[in-house]
């Protein structure tokens, strides 16, 4: 590409900063669909003394533990009828966590469509 690596580095951070600023202004209105997904944590490049858990062997079948554990992170997502998207990395989904995550982003919701997760019932 014939571009200096420092230029690419600074441009990357400009893009990331603009995405961060854009995420602050998103508000969901009307019919909103919300869901959560659990994915394996990527701790690549982290120093051993700062890791939140012990390292685990590589596996093509997923994590070494079944179900929700400290080897996974929860990603809460919501999309409204105008295709405005909201994604947030959160802890295990509880009613308090749902309220904390979506309270500032949801305005004038006419219908909230969710799965049967009991955390959304509040």
N, C-alpha and C. Protein backbone atom coordinates (compact mmCIF):
# COMPACT_ATOMS: atom_id res chain seq x y z
N UNK A 1 0.81 -1.20 0.00
CA UNK A 1 0.00 0.00 0.00
C UNK A 1 0.86 1.26 0.00
N UNK A 2 2.10 1.12 0.33
CA UNK A 2 3.04 2.24 0.35
C UNK A 2 2.61 3.35 1.31
N UNK A 3 2.13 2.92 2.48
CA UNK A 3 1.73 3.88 3.52
C UNK A 3 2.54 3.54 4.76
N UNK A 4 3.03 4.56 5.42
CA UNK A 4 3.82 4.36 6.62
C UNK A 4 2.97 3.71 7.70
N UNK A 5 3.57 2.81 8.49
CA UNK A 5 2.82 2.11 9.54
C UNK A 5 2.30 3.08 10.60
N UNK A 6 2.99 4.18 10.86
CA UNK A 6 2.51 5.17 11.83
C UNK A 6 1.24 5.85 11.32
N UNK A 7 1.16 6.12 10.03
CA UNK A 7 -0.04 6.71 9.44
C UNK A 7 -1.22 5.78 9.60
N UNK A 8 -1.01 4.51 9.31
CA UNK A 8 -2.08 3.52 9.45
C UNK A 8 -2.52 3.42 10.91
N UNK A 9 -1.56 3.44 11.83
CA UNK A 9 -1.87 3.37 13.26
C UNK A 9 -2.75 4.55 13.69
N UNK A 10 -2.38 5.75 13.29
CA UNK A 10 -3.16 6.94 13.67
C UNK A 10 -4.54 6.95 13.01
N UNK A 11 -4.63 6.52 11.76
CA UNK A 11 -5.92 6.45 11.09
C UNK A 11 -6.84 5.42 11.76
N UNK A 12 -6.26 4.30 12.16
CA UNK A 12 -7.03 3.27 12.87
C UNK A 12 -7.64 3.85 14.14
N UNK A 13 -6.84 4.61 14.90
CA UNK A 13 -7.35 5.18 16.14
C UNK A 13 -8.37 6.29 15.89
N UNK A 14 -8.26 7.00 14.80
CA UNK A 14 -9.29 7.98 14.45
C UNK A 14 -10.61 7.29 14.16
N UNK A 15 -10.55 6.19 13.44
CA UNK A 15 -11.77 5.43 13.14
C UNK A 15 -12.37 4.88 14.42
N UNK A 16 -11.56 4.30 15.29
CA UNK A 16 -12.06 3.75 16.55
C UNK A 16 -12.67 4.83 17.44
N UNK A 17 -12.05 6.01 17.48
CA UNK A 17 -12.60 7.13 18.26
C UNK A 17 -13.94 7.60 17.70
N UNK A 18 -14.06 7.63 16.38
CA UNK A 18 -15.33 8.07 15.78
C UNK A 18 -16.43 7.04 16.04
N UNK A 19 -16.11 5.75 16.02
CA UNK A 19 -17.10 4.72 16.35
C UNK A 19 -17.52 4.85 17.80
N UNK A 20 -16.57 5.13 18.69
CA UNK A 20 -16.88 5.32 20.11
C UNK A 20 -17.84 6.50 20.31
N UNK A 21 -17.58 7.61 19.62
CA UNK A 21 -18.45 8.78 19.72
C UNK A 21 -19.83 8.51 19.13
N UNK A 22 -19.89 7.76 18.04
CA UNK A 22 -21.16 7.41 17.41
C UNK A 22 -22.00 6.53 18.32
N UNK A 23 -21.37 5.60 19.02
CA UNK A 23 -22.09 4.71 19.93
C UNK A 23 -22.78 5.48 21.05
N UNK A 24 -22.22 6.61 21.45
CA UNK A 24 -22.82 7.41 22.53
C UNK A 24 -24.16 8.01 22.10
N UNK A 25 -24.32 8.28 20.81
CA UNK A 25 -25.51 8.99 20.34
C UNK A 25 -26.65 8.07 19.92
N UNK A 26 -26.42 6.77 19.89
CA UNK A 26 -27.45 5.84 19.43
C UNK A 26 -28.59 5.77 20.44
N UNK A 27 -29.83 5.89 19.94
CA UNK A 27 -31.01 5.66 20.78
C UNK A 27 -31.97 4.78 19.98
N UNK A 28 -32.55 3.83 20.68
CA UNK A 28 -33.45 2.87 20.05
C UNK A 28 -34.89 3.28 20.28
N UNK A 29 -35.71 3.27 19.23
CA UNK A 29 -37.10 3.71 19.32
C UNK A 29 -38.01 2.73 18.61
N UNK A 30 -39.27 2.74 19.00
CA UNK A 30 -40.26 1.90 18.32
C UNK A 30 -40.16 0.45 18.75
N UNK A 31 -40.20 -0.44 17.79
CA UNK A 31 -40.12 -1.88 18.04
C UNK A 31 -38.65 -2.28 18.15
N UNK A 32 -38.26 -2.82 19.31
CA UNK A 32 -36.86 -3.17 19.57
C UNK A 32 -36.74 -4.68 19.80
N UNK A 33 -35.77 -5.29 19.15
CA UNK A 33 -35.47 -6.71 19.35
C UNK A 33 -34.15 -6.80 20.12
N UNK A 34 -34.15 -7.50 21.26
CA UNK A 34 -32.97 -7.62 22.10
C UNK A 34 -32.62 -9.08 22.31
N UNK A 35 -31.33 -9.36 22.42
CA UNK A 35 -30.86 -10.72 22.64
C UNK A 35 -29.46 -10.65 23.23
N UNK A 36 -28.97 -11.79 23.70
CA UNK A 36 -27.61 -11.87 24.20
C UNK A 36 -26.94 -13.10 23.62
N UNK A 37 -25.61 -13.04 23.53
CA UNK A 37 -24.84 -14.16 22.98
C UNK A 37 -23.58 -14.29 23.82
N UNK A 38 -23.20 -15.51 24.11
CA UNK A 38 -22.00 -15.78 24.87
C UNK A 38 -20.91 -16.28 23.94
N UNK A 39 -19.74 -15.68 24.04
CA UNK A 39 -18.59 -16.05 23.21
C UNK A 39 -17.38 -16.27 24.10
N UNK A 40 -16.43 -17.03 23.61
CA UNK A 40 -15.19 -17.29 24.35
C UNK A 40 -14.39 -16.00 24.47
N UNK A 41 -13.75 -15.83 25.61
CA UNK A 41 -12.92 -14.65 25.84
C UNK A 41 -11.60 -14.83 25.10
N UNK A 42 -11.14 -13.77 24.46
CA UNK A 42 -9.84 -13.77 23.81
C UNK A 42 -8.88 -13.01 24.71
N UNK A 43 -7.94 -13.71 25.31
CA UNK A 43 -6.95 -13.08 26.20
C UNK A 43 -5.57 -13.07 25.56
N UNK A 44 -5.54 -13.07 24.24
CA UNK A 44 -4.27 -13.10 23.53
C UNK A 44 -3.46 -11.84 23.84
N UNK A 45 -2.21 -12.02 24.17
CA UNK A 45 -1.31 -10.91 24.43
C UNK A 45 -1.33 -10.42 25.86
N UNK A 46 -2.15 -11.01 26.71
CA UNK A 46 -2.21 -10.58 28.10
C UNK A 46 -1.10 -11.23 28.91
N UNK A 47 -0.52 -10.48 29.82
CA UNK A 47 0.52 -11.02 30.69
C UNK A 47 -0.09 -12.01 31.67
N UNK A 48 0.67 -13.03 32.02
CA UNK A 48 0.18 -14.11 32.88
C UNK A 48 -0.33 -13.60 34.21
N UNK A 49 0.35 -12.64 34.81
CA UNK A 49 -0.05 -12.13 36.13
C UNK A 49 -1.32 -11.28 36.08
N UNK A 50 -1.74 -10.81 34.91
CA UNK A 50 -2.92 -9.96 34.79
C UNK A 50 -4.15 -10.71 34.27
N UNK A 51 -4.01 -11.99 33.98
CA UNK A 51 -5.13 -12.75 33.42
C UNK A 51 -6.21 -12.99 34.47
N UNK A 52 -7.49 -12.85 34.10
CA UNK A 52 -8.58 -13.05 35.06
C UNK A 52 -8.85 -14.52 35.37
N UNK A 53 -8.21 -15.42 34.63
CA UNK A 53 -8.41 -16.86 34.87
C UNK A 53 -7.14 -17.58 34.43
N UNK A 54 -7.06 -18.87 34.79
CA UNK A 54 -5.92 -19.67 34.37
C UNK A 54 -6.02 -19.94 32.88
N UNK A 55 -4.87 -20.12 32.24
CA UNK A 55 -4.89 -20.42 30.82
C UNK A 55 -5.41 -21.83 30.61
N UNK A 56 -5.91 -22.07 29.41
CA UNK A 56 -6.48 -23.38 29.11
C UNK A 56 -5.89 -23.87 27.80
N UNK A 57 -5.87 -25.18 27.59
CA UNK A 57 -5.32 -25.70 26.33
C UNK A 57 -6.22 -25.35 25.15
N UNK A 58 -5.64 -25.28 23.98
CA UNK A 58 -6.42 -24.99 22.77
C UNK A 58 -7.29 -26.17 22.42
N UNK A 59 -8.44 -25.86 21.88
CA UNK A 59 -9.37 -26.90 21.47
C UNK A 59 -10.20 -26.40 20.31
N UNK A 60 -10.45 -27.26 19.36
CA UNK A 60 -11.30 -26.87 18.23
C UNK A 60 -12.77 -27.00 18.58
N UNK A 61 -13.07 -27.60 19.74
CA UNK A 61 -14.45 -27.84 20.13
C UNK A 61 -14.99 -26.77 21.07
N UNK A 62 -14.24 -25.69 21.30
CA UNK A 62 -14.71 -24.64 22.20
C UNK A 62 -13.98 -24.69 23.52
N UNK A 63 -14.60 -24.14 24.55
CA UNK A 63 -13.98 -24.04 25.86
C UNK A 63 -13.90 -25.37 26.58
N UNK A 64 -13.15 -25.36 27.68
CA UNK A 64 -12.98 -26.58 28.45
C UNK A 64 -14.12 -26.78 29.44
N UNK A 65 -14.95 -25.79 29.62
CA UNK A 65 -16.09 -25.88 30.53
C UNK A 65 -17.39 -25.77 29.75
N UNK A 66 -18.38 -26.49 30.20
CA UNK A 66 -19.69 -26.40 29.56
C UNK A 66 -20.49 -25.28 30.19
N UNK A 67 -21.36 -24.67 29.41
CA UNK A 67 -22.25 -23.64 29.93
C UNK A 67 -21.55 -22.31 30.13
N UNK A 68 -22.20 -21.43 30.89
CA UNK A 68 -21.68 -20.09 31.14
C UNK A 68 -20.64 -20.18 32.24
N UNK A 69 -19.44 -19.65 31.99
CA UNK A 69 -18.36 -19.68 32.96
C UNK A 69 -17.51 -18.44 32.78
N UNK A 70 -16.41 -18.38 33.54
CA UNK A 70 -15.51 -17.23 33.39
C UNK A 70 -14.64 -17.35 32.14
N UNK A 71 -14.88 -18.37 31.31
CA UNK A 71 -14.19 -18.51 30.03
C UNK A 71 -14.98 -17.86 28.91
N UNK A 72 -16.13 -17.28 29.23
CA UNK A 72 -16.98 -16.67 28.22
C UNK A 72 -17.37 -15.25 28.62
N UNK A 73 -17.72 -14.45 27.63
CA UNK A 73 -18.19 -13.09 27.85
C UNK A 73 -19.54 -12.94 27.16
N UNK A 74 -20.42 -12.13 27.75
CA UNK A 74 -21.76 -11.94 27.21
C UNK A 74 -21.79 -10.66 26.37
N UNK A 75 -22.38 -10.76 25.19
CA UNK A 75 -22.56 -9.61 24.31
C UNK A 75 -24.07 -9.37 24.19
N UNK A 76 -24.53 -8.25 24.76
CA UNK A 76 -25.94 -7.87 24.67
C UNK A 76 -26.14 -7.05 23.40
N UNK A 77 -27.21 -7.34 22.68
CA UNK A 77 -27.46 -6.63 21.42
C UNK A 77 -28.92 -6.23 21.33
N UNK A 78 -29.17 -5.16 20.60
CA UNK A 78 -30.54 -4.70 20.35
C UNK A 78 -30.58 -3.98 19.01
N UNK A 79 -31.69 -4.17 18.29
CA UNK A 79 -31.91 -3.52 17.00
C UNK A 79 -33.33 -2.99 16.99
N UNK A 80 -33.52 -1.75 16.52
CA UNK A 80 -34.87 -1.20 16.46
C UNK A 80 -35.41 -1.27 15.03
N UNK A 81 -36.62 -0.78 14.84
CA UNK A 81 -37.28 -0.86 13.52
C UNK A 81 -36.62 0.02 12.47
N UNK A 82 -35.79 0.98 12.87
CA UNK A 82 -35.08 1.84 11.94
C UNK A 82 -33.66 1.34 11.66
N UNK A 83 -33.37 0.10 12.05
CA UNK A 83 -32.06 -0.55 11.87
C UNK A 83 -30.94 0.12 12.64
N UNK A 84 -31.26 0.79 13.74
CA UNK A 84 -30.24 1.28 14.65
C UNK A 84 -29.80 0.11 15.52
N UNK A 85 -28.50 -0.14 15.59
CA UNK A 85 -27.96 -1.28 16.33
C UNK A 85 -27.24 -0.81 17.57
N UNK A 86 -27.28 -1.66 18.59
CA UNK A 86 -26.55 -1.40 19.82
C UNK A 86 -25.94 -2.71 20.30
N UNK A 87 -24.64 -2.72 20.53
CA UNK A 87 -23.93 -3.88 21.05
C UNK A 87 -23.14 -3.44 22.28
N UNK A 88 -23.12 -4.27 23.29
CA UNK A 88 -22.38 -3.94 24.50
C UNK A 88 -21.88 -5.23 25.13
N UNK A 89 -20.62 -5.24 25.53
CA UNK A 89 -20.07 -6.38 26.26
C UNK A 89 -20.43 -6.19 27.72
N UNK A 90 -21.14 -7.16 28.28
CA UNK A 90 -21.61 -7.07 29.67
C UNK A 90 -21.25 -8.35 30.40
N UNK A 91 -21.49 -8.34 31.70
CA UNK A 91 -21.30 -9.54 32.50
C UNK A 91 -22.45 -10.49 32.27
N UNK A 92 -22.60 -11.48 33.12
CA UNK A 92 -23.75 -12.38 32.98
C UNK A 92 -25.05 -11.58 33.03
N UNK A 93 -25.99 -11.91 32.17
CA UNK A 93 -27.23 -11.14 32.06
C UNK A 93 -28.11 -11.39 33.29
N UNK A 94 -28.35 -10.30 34.02
CA UNK A 94 -29.30 -10.29 35.13
C UNK A 94 -30.24 -9.12 34.88
N UNK A 95 -31.29 -9.02 35.69
CA UNK A 95 -32.22 -7.91 35.52
C UNK A 95 -31.53 -6.57 35.74
N UNK A 96 -30.66 -6.48 36.74
CA UNK A 96 -29.93 -5.23 36.99
C UNK A 96 -29.01 -4.89 35.82
N UNK A 97 -28.35 -5.90 35.26
CA UNK A 97 -27.44 -5.67 34.15
C UNK A 97 -28.20 -5.22 32.90
N UNK A 98 -29.36 -5.78 32.66
CA UNK A 98 -30.19 -5.37 31.51
C UNK A 98 -30.61 -3.92 31.67
N UNK A 99 -31.08 -3.56 32.86
CA UNK A 99 -31.50 -2.19 33.13
C UNK A 99 -30.35 -1.22 32.95
N UNK A 100 -29.21 -1.57 33.48
CA UNK A 100 -28.03 -0.70 33.39
C UNK A 100 -27.56 -0.54 31.94
N UNK A 101 -27.59 -1.62 31.18
CA UNK A 101 -27.08 -1.58 29.80
C UNK A 101 -28.00 -0.83 28.85
N UNK A 102 -29.31 -1.11 28.92
CA UNK A 102 -30.24 -0.56 27.93
C UNK A 102 -30.97 0.70 28.37
N UNK A 103 -30.91 1.09 29.63
CA UNK A 103 -31.73 2.21 30.11
C UNK A 103 -31.42 3.53 29.42
N UNK A 104 -30.17 3.79 29.10
CA UNK A 104 -29.81 5.05 28.46
C UNK A 104 -30.00 5.02 26.94
N UNK A 105 -30.15 3.84 26.37
CA UNK A 105 -30.24 3.72 24.91
C UNK A 105 -31.66 3.55 24.40
N UNK A 106 -32.58 3.15 25.24
CA UNK A 106 -33.95 2.86 24.82
C UNK A 106 -34.85 4.05 25.17
N UNK A 107 -35.56 4.58 24.15
CA UNK A 107 -36.48 5.69 24.35
C UNK A 107 -37.72 5.45 23.49
N UNK A 108 -38.90 5.69 24.05
CA UNK A 108 -40.17 5.57 23.32
C UNK A 108 -40.33 4.20 22.65
N UNK A 109 -40.11 3.14 23.41
CA UNK A 109 -40.25 1.79 22.86
C UNK A 109 -41.72 1.39 22.91
N UNK A 110 -42.25 0.98 21.76
CA UNK A 110 -43.63 0.51 21.71
C UNK A 110 -43.73 -0.98 21.95
N UNK A 111 -42.69 -1.73 21.53
CA UNK A 111 -42.71 -3.18 21.68
C UNK A 111 -41.27 -3.66 21.86
N UNK A 112 -41.02 -4.47 22.88
CA UNK A 112 -39.71 -5.06 23.12
C UNK A 112 -39.82 -6.56 22.86
N UNK A 113 -39.12 -7.04 21.85
CA UNK A 113 -39.16 -8.44 21.48
C UNK A 113 -37.89 -9.11 21.99
N UNK A 114 -38.08 -10.16 22.82
CA UNK A 114 -36.95 -10.85 23.46
C UNK A 114 -37.19 -12.34 23.42
N UNK A 115 -36.17 -13.10 23.83
CA UNK A 115 -36.37 -14.52 24.00
C UNK A 115 -36.98 -14.74 25.40
N UNK A 116 -37.08 -15.95 25.83
CA UNK A 116 -37.75 -16.23 27.10
C UNK A 116 -36.83 -16.08 28.31
N UNK A 117 -35.75 -15.33 28.18
CA UNK A 117 -34.82 -15.12 29.28
C UNK A 117 -35.52 -14.34 30.39
N UNK A 118 -35.47 -14.84 31.61
CA UNK A 118 -36.19 -14.21 32.72
C UNK A 118 -35.58 -12.89 33.15
N UNK A 119 -34.37 -12.58 32.73
CA UNK A 119 -33.71 -11.34 33.11
C UNK A 119 -34.40 -10.11 32.55
N UNK A 120 -35.14 -10.26 31.44
CA UNK A 120 -35.79 -9.13 30.79
C UNK A 120 -37.16 -8.82 31.36
N UNK A 121 -37.63 -9.57 32.34
CA UNK A 121 -38.99 -9.42 32.81
C UNK A 121 -39.24 -8.17 33.65
N UNK A 122 -38.23 -7.51 34.13
CA UNK A 122 -38.43 -6.36 35.02
C UNK A 122 -38.99 -5.16 34.32
